[in-house]
Protein backbone atom coordinates (compact mmCIF):
# COMPACT_ATOMS: atom_id res chain seq x y z
CA UNK A 1 108.09 138.48 68.44
CA UNK A 2 108.38 134.68 68.48
CA UNK A 3 111.59 134.73 70.57
CA UNK A 4 109.65 137.23 73.34
CA UNK A 5 107.03 134.59 73.54
CA UNK A 6 109.15 131.86 73.86
CA UNK A 7 111.15 133.65 76.40
CA UNK A 8 107.83 134.90 78.71
CA UNK A 9 107.05 130.97 78.46
CA UNK A 10 110.33 129.63 79.40
CA UNK A 11 110.47 132.46 82.75
CA UNK A 12 107.13 130.92 83.93
CA UNK A 13 108.52 127.55 84.59
CA UNK A 14 110.88 128.39 87.14
CA UNK A 15 108.45 130.85 88.99
CA UNK A 16 108.47 130.40 92.69
CA UNK A 17 105.37 128.27 94.31
CA UNK A 18 102.06 130.23 95.20
CA UNK A 19 101.78 130.78 98.59
CA UNK A 20 99.13 128.47 99.25
CA UNK A 21 101.58 125.47 97.83
CA UNK A 22 104.48 126.77 99.68
CA UNK A 23 102.68 125.97 103.01
CA UNK A 24 101.73 122.35 101.84
CA UNK A 25 105.57 121.96 100.82
CA UNK A 26 107.31 118.93 102.53
CA UNK A 27 110.04 121.06 103.46
CA UNK A 28 108.28 123.81 104.69
CA UNK A 29 106.19 121.80 107.05
CA UNK A 30 109.57 119.86 108.11
CA UNK A 31 111.22 123.20 108.93
CA UNK A 32 108.05 124.34 110.99
CA UNK A 33 108.08 121.13 112.96
CA UNK A 34 111.71 121.39 113.76
CA UNK A 35 111.63 125.17 114.72
CA UNK A 36 108.42 124.67 116.69
CA UNK A 37 110.10 121.47 118.53
CA UNK A 38 113.53 123.24 119.33
CA UNK A 39 111.47 125.99 120.93
CA UNK A 40 111.18 123.67 123.98
CA UNK A 41 114.62 124.50 124.75
CA UNK A 42 115.29 121.00 125.71
CA UNK A 43 117.79 120.24 122.88
CA UNK A 44 117.98 119.52 119.23
CA UNK A 45 115.20 117.70 117.55
CA UNK A 46 115.62 114.74 114.96
CA UNK A 47 113.66 114.43 111.77
CA UNK A 48 113.62 110.55 111.12
CA UNK A 49 112.70 108.52 108.39
CA UNK A 50 109.08 106.90 108.51
CA UNK A 51 109.24 102.87 107.86
CA UNK A 52 107.56 103.35 104.62
CA UNK A 53 109.62 104.43 101.89
CA UNK A 54 106.75 105.34 99.74
CA UNK A 55 104.98 107.70 102.82
CA UNK A 56 108.29 109.42 103.08
CA UNK A 57 107.49 112.86 100.58
CA UNK A 58 104.04 112.96 102.45
CA UNK A 59 105.30 112.61 106.02
CA UNK A 60 107.33 113.95 108.85
CA UNK A 61 108.35 112.71 111.76
CA UNK A 62 110.37 114.52 114.31
CA UNK A 63 111.73 113.27 117.92
CA UNK A 64 113.41 115.20 121.02
CA UNK A 65 114.31 112.33 123.55
CA UNK A 66 115.03 114.05 126.95
CA UNK A 67 116.10 112.46 129.95
CA UNK A 68 112.61 113.77 131.69
CA UNK A 69 109.36 114.43 130.58
CA UNK A 70 109.68 117.89 128.78
CA UNK A 71 108.75 121.17 131.12
CA UNK A 72 104.91 121.53 131.49
CA UNK A 73 105.54 124.57 129.19
CA UNK A 74 106.76 122.73 126.29
CA UNK A 75 103.32 122.12 124.37
CA UNK A 76 102.68 125.98 125.06
CA UNK A 77 105.79 126.96 123.37
CA UNK A 78 105.39 124.43 120.51
CA UNK A 79 101.91 125.73 119.96
CA UNK A 80 103.05 129.43 119.83
CA UNK A 81 105.59 128.65 117.10
CA UNK A 82 103.09 126.19 115.20
CA UNK A 83 100.07 128.86 115.17
CA UNK A 84 102.64 131.94 114.49
CA UNK A 85 103.63 129.94 111.03
CA UNK A 86 99.58 129.37 110.02
CA UNK A 87 98.95 126.27 111.87
CA UNK A 88 95.46 125.84 113.38
CA UNK A 89 95.23 123.92 116.84
CA UNK A 90 92.86 121.39 117.96
CA UNK A 91 92.98 119.84 121.18
CA UNK A 92 94.71 120.74 124.41
CA UNK A 93 96.89 119.56 126.85
CA UNK A 94 100.44 117.55 126.65
CA UNK A 95 99.06 115.94 123.12
CA UNK A 96 97.81 118.41 120.41
CA UNK A 97 96.88 118.20 117.51
CA UNK A 98 97.10 120.92 114.38
CA UNK A 99 96.09 121.79 110.96
CA UNK A 100 97.32 123.34 107.74
CA UNK A 101 96.80 123.10 104.00
CA UNK A 102 96.35 119.11 103.64
CA UNK A 103 98.48 118.54 106.78
CA UNK A 104 97.65 116.93 109.78
CA UNK A 105 100.23 117.38 113.03
CA UNK A 106 100.08 115.33 115.90
CA UNK A 107 102.31 116.63 118.89
CA UNK A 108 103.00 114.75 122.30
CA UNK A 109 105.39 115.81 125.12
CA UNK A 110 105.88 112.98 127.87
CA UNK A 111 106.74 109.34 128.42
CA UNK A 112 105.08 106.81 125.98
CA UNK A 113 105.65 103.12 125.91
CA UNK A 114 108.25 101.89 122.85
CA UNK A 115 105.34 100.40 121.03
CA UNK A 116 104.20 103.96 120.35
CA UNK A 117 107.11 104.37 118.05
CA UNK A 118 106.77 101.22 115.67
CA UNK A 119 104.57 102.66 113.80
CA UNK A 120 106.55 106.31 113.46
CA UNK A 121 110.07 105.50 112.66
CA UNK A 122 112.13 102.91 110.65
CA UNK A 123 114.05 100.40 112.67
CA UNK A 124 117.29 101.84 112.58
CA UNK A 125 115.69 105.24 113.99
CA UNK A 126 114.09 103.32 117.08
CA UNK A 127 115.78 104.65 120.24
CA UNK A 128 116.41 101.86 122.96
CA UNK A 129 114.70 101.34 125.98
CA UNK A 130 111.16 100.11 126.91
CA UNK A 131 110.13 103.83 127.01
CA UNK A 132 110.64 107.10 124.68
CA UNK A 133 110.60 110.16 126.67
CA UNK A 134 110.49 113.57 125.13
CA UNK A 135 108.54 115.02 122.09
CA UNK A 136 107.06 113.12 118.95
CA UNK A 137 105.80 115.08 116.11
CA UNK A 138 104.26 113.38 113.37
CA UNK A 139 102.80 115.14 110.25
CA UNK A 140 100.90 113.30 107.47
CA UNK A 141 99.82 114.72 104.32
CA UNK A 142 96.51 113.97 102.98
CA UNK A 143 96.30 111.50 100.34
CA UNK A 144 99.27 109.61 102.10
CA UNK A 145 99.88 105.93 101.08
CA UNK A 146 98.55 103.59 103.63
CA UNK A 147 101.07 102.38 106.28
CA UNK A 148 102.12 105.72 107.30
CA UNK A 149 101.35 107.69 110.32
């Protein structure tokens, strides 16, 4: 009997995450964002580390550099993927905000001054030039340490 109880207790240790926890998982958020940005059809996005190491477990930054500003339907394609994966959209136009569980995701497609990236990515990941053209997606979980974007 004791062996059966011990086996039952051990079986619970490796159990899968509950669905609500899985939606809040860093890897799931990262996969959602990469898939959504890939849906623009403008290339393969790059996941980049944020400057503050303590914020990395609760922050996801994805960049997709393009030669020209992404097509006008890029935002709609991103929105379609994210909403299908359970994100709720707030805002409209080329810069949008999405939320799910404890995460907030800011997504924009266009051309921005280089300074826009300074708080988002580590030095070694910053693109060259005065401007960045493409898609910027930055997600942050509630309660993330200060200094994260």
